[in-house]
């Protein structure tokens, strides 16, 4: 079913034209990313032939195909290991949130391997098992009895002589 879903999505995407920002092909300083044309005489806004198509509600993807990973599975954000338990490996893939640290990321990856859930952005490949947490070493320090004086205060003051 998954491969059929991907094939249908590809056919739908092929019908949608490449929506370019006007004049982006002409000037290096203008990105291709879509911006709404606002000018009074703007050819794209007026829908002139030979100019790029405008973004339109008619190009909207059907709701069942929206927000899917290119593999055809639904993407789910994962913040902790417990989030993996509610995922179905046949219907969804996991994306680890960008705020997750290395230790928790490795733990999520290890648990996902056990559950056979695919992770889109593992980022910790080759790190193996979750790193062990070491207890911080705290040393008992004795209070300092007397403070060391600087060299300037150790010398006796010099007496001034008048000529």
Protein backbone atom coordinates (compact mmCIF):
# COMPACT_ATOMS: atom_id res chain seq x y z
CA UNK A 1 0.00 0.00 0.00
CA UNK A 2 2.88 2.34 0.80
CA UNK A 3 4.37 2.17 -2.71
CA UNK A 4 0.96 2.86 -4.24
CA UNK A 5 0.60 5.89 -1.97
CA UNK A 6 3.99 7.23 -3.08
CA UNK A 7 3.08 6.74 -6.77
CA UNK A 8 -0.16 8.67 -6.41
CA UNK A 9 1.60 11.50 -4.61
CA UNK A 10 4.18 11.73 -7.39
CA UNK A 11 1.44 12.00 -10.02
CA UNK A 12 -0.30 14.74 -8.02
CA UNK A 13 2.96 16.65 -7.57
CA UNK A 14 3.67 16.43 -11.31
CA UNK A 15 0.45 18.34 -12.06
CA UNK A 16 1.53 21.30 -9.90
CA UNK A 17 3.77 23.76 -11.77
CA UNK A 18 7.03 24.99 -10.25
CA UNK A 19 5.93 28.14 -8.45
CA UNK A 20 8.75 30.66 -8.81
CA UNK A 21 9.09 34.20 -7.55
CA UNK A 22 8.85 36.62 -10.44
CA UNK A 23 12.18 37.69 -12.00
CA UNK A 24 14.11 35.21 -9.80
CA UNK A 25 15.64 33.70 -12.94
CA UNK A 26 16.83 37.12 -14.06
CA UNK A 27 18.52 38.50 -10.93
CA UNK A 28 20.96 36.68 -8.70
CA UNK A 29 19.86 38.68 -5.63
CA UNK A 30 16.27 37.38 -5.82
CA UNK A 31 15.61 33.89 -4.41
CA UNK A 32 13.31 31.42 -6.14
CA UNK A 33 11.16 31.04 -3.01
CA UNK A 34 7.62 32.24 -3.62
CA UNK A 35 6.61 35.79 -2.71
CA UNK A 36 3.20 37.19 -3.52
CA UNK A 37 3.34 39.64 -6.44
CA UNK A 38 1.90 43.00 -5.36
CA UNK A 39 2.73 45.49 -8.07
CA UNK A 40 0.03 47.33 -10.03
CA UNK A 41 1.49 46.32 -13.39
CA UNK A 42 3.01 43.03 -12.23
CA UNK A 43 2.65 40.47 -15.02
CA UNK A 44 2.57 37.46 -12.70
CA UNK A 45 -0.20 39.01 -10.61
CA UNK A 46 -2.22 39.78 -13.71
CA UNK A 47 -1.78 36.19 -14.99
CA UNK A 48 -0.08 37.05 -18.28
CA UNK A 49 0.88 34.16 -20.52
CA UNK A 50 4.56 33.29 -20.45
CA UNK A 51 4.97 34.32 -16.80
CA UNK A 52 5.05 31.92 -13.81
CA UNK A 53 1.81 30.60 -12.40
CA UNK A 54 0.58 32.02 -9.10
CA UNK A 55 0.02 30.08 -5.91
CA UNK A 56 -3.62 29.01 -5.93
CA UNK A 57 -5.95 26.95 -3.77
CA UNK A 58 -6.50 24.69 -6.78
CA UNK A 59 -2.97 23.32 -6.37
CA UNK A 60 -3.58 22.24 -2.76
CA UNK A 61 -2.68 18.63 -1.96
CA UNK A 62 -5.52 16.42 -0.68
CA UNK A 63 -5.56 16.16 3.11
CA UNK A 64 -4.67 12.46 3.16
CA UNK A 65 -1.40 13.16 1.27
CA UNK A 66 -0.39 16.29 3.18
CA UNK A 67 2.49 16.36 5.72
CA UNK A 68 3.92 12.99 4.69
CA UNK A 69 7.59 12.04 4.56
CA UNK A 70 8.83 11.25 1.01
CA UNK A 71 8.71 7.56 1.98
CA UNK A 72 4.92 7.90 2.21
CA UNK A 73 4.80 7.55 6.01
CA UNK A 74 3.54 10.13 8.51
CA UNK A 75 6.26 12.06 10.38
CA UNK A 76 5.99 12.31 14.18
CA UNK A 77 8.17 14.49 16.42
CA UNK A 78 9.81 12.61 19.29
CA UNK A 79 11.11 14.31 22.44
CA UNK A 80 11.63 11.32 24.74
CA UNK A 81 11.84 7.54 24.65
CA UNK A 82 8.23 7.16 25.84
CA UNK A 83 7.00 8.89 22.66
CA UNK A 84 8.22 5.94 20.59
CA UNK A 85 5.83 3.56 22.35
CA UNK A 86 2.74 5.10 20.71
CA UNK A 87 4.12 4.92 17.13
CA UNK A 88 3.27 2.25 14.60
CA UNK A 89 6.31 1.29 12.50
CA UNK A 90 4.14 0.57 9.43
CA UNK A 91 2.43 3.97 9.37
CA UNK A 92 4.90 6.50 10.77
CA UNK A 93 8.53 7.53 11.02
CA UNK A 94 10.12 9.41 13.92
CA UNK A 95 11.87 12.77 13.77
CA UNK A 96 13.90 13.64 16.88
CA UNK A 97 13.29 17.23 18.04
CA UNK A 98 16.22 19.57 17.61
CA UNK A 99 16.32 20.42 21.33
CA UNK A 100 17.10 16.83 22.38
CA UNK A 101 20.64 16.36 23.70
CA UNK A 102 23.11 13.64 22.79
CA UNK A 103 22.47 11.29 25.72
CA UNK A 104 18.70 11.22 25.24
CA UNK A 105 19.11 11.09 21.43
CA UNK A 106 21.24 7.92 21.69
CA UNK A 107 18.67 6.37 24.06
CA UNK A 108 15.87 7.17 21.58
CA UNK A 109 17.86 5.64 18.71
CA UNK A 110 18.55 2.45 20.68
CA UNK A 111 14.86 2.05 21.63
CA UNK A 112 13.77 2.75 18.02
CA UNK A 113 16.03 -0.08 16.80
CA UNK A 114 14.32 -2.45 19.24
CA UNK A 115 10.86 -1.36 18.06
CA UNK A 116 12.00 -1.30 14.39
CA UNK A 117 10.91 2.33 13.96
CA UNK A 118 12.75 4.38 11.36
CA UNK A 119 14.30 7.66 12.50
CA UNK A 120 14.55 10.36 9.85
CA UNK A 121 17.32 12.40 11.50
CA UNK A 122 19.35 10.11 13.78
CA UNK A 123 22.44 12.36 13.91
CA UNK A 124 24.16 10.11 16.46
CA UNK A 125 25.18 7.30 14.12
CA UNK A 126 28.20 5.36 15.24
CA UNK A 127 27.87 6.49 18.83
CA UNK A 128 26.61 3.06 19.92
CA UNK A 129 25.04 2.65 23.32
CA UNK A 130 23.87 5.52 25.48
CA UNK A 131 26.79 7.11 27.35
CA UNK A 132 26.96 6.39 31.06
CA UNK A 133 26.50 9.23 33.48
CA UNK A 134 29.34 9.60 35.96
CA UNK A 135 28.81 10.97 39.43
CA UNK A 136 30.58 14.28 39.88
CA UNK A 137 33.60 14.03 42.18
CA UNK A 138 33.33 16.33 45.14
CA UNK A 139 36.39 16.85 47.31
CA UNK A 140 36.21 18.09 50.86
CA UNK A 141 38.35 21.17 51.18
CA UNK A 142 39.65 22.48 54.44
CA UNK A 143 39.07 26.15 55.13
CA UNK A 144 42.14 28.32 54.63
CA UNK A 145 43.44 29.46 58.05
CA UNK A 146 45.17 32.63 57.01
CA UNK A 147 45.21 34.55 53.83
CA UNK A 148 48.45 35.12 52.01
CA UNK A 149 49.43 38.75 51.90
CA UNK A 150 50.84 40.27 48.76
CA UNK A 151 54.52 41.21 48.50
CA UNK A 152 53.74 44.91 48.77
CA UNK A 153 52.18 44.54 52.22
CA UNK A 154 55.02 42.34 53.59
CA UNK A 155 57.73 45.02 53.31
CA UNK A 156 57.93 47.59 56.10
CA UNK A 157 57.02 51.13 55.07
CA UNK A 158 59.97 53.33 54.11
CA UNK A 159 60.68 56.44 56.14
CA UNK A 160 61.04 59.63 54.26
CA UNK A 161 64.12 61.79 54.91
CA UNK A 162 64.12 65.54 54.47
CA UNK A 163 67.28 67.19 53.07
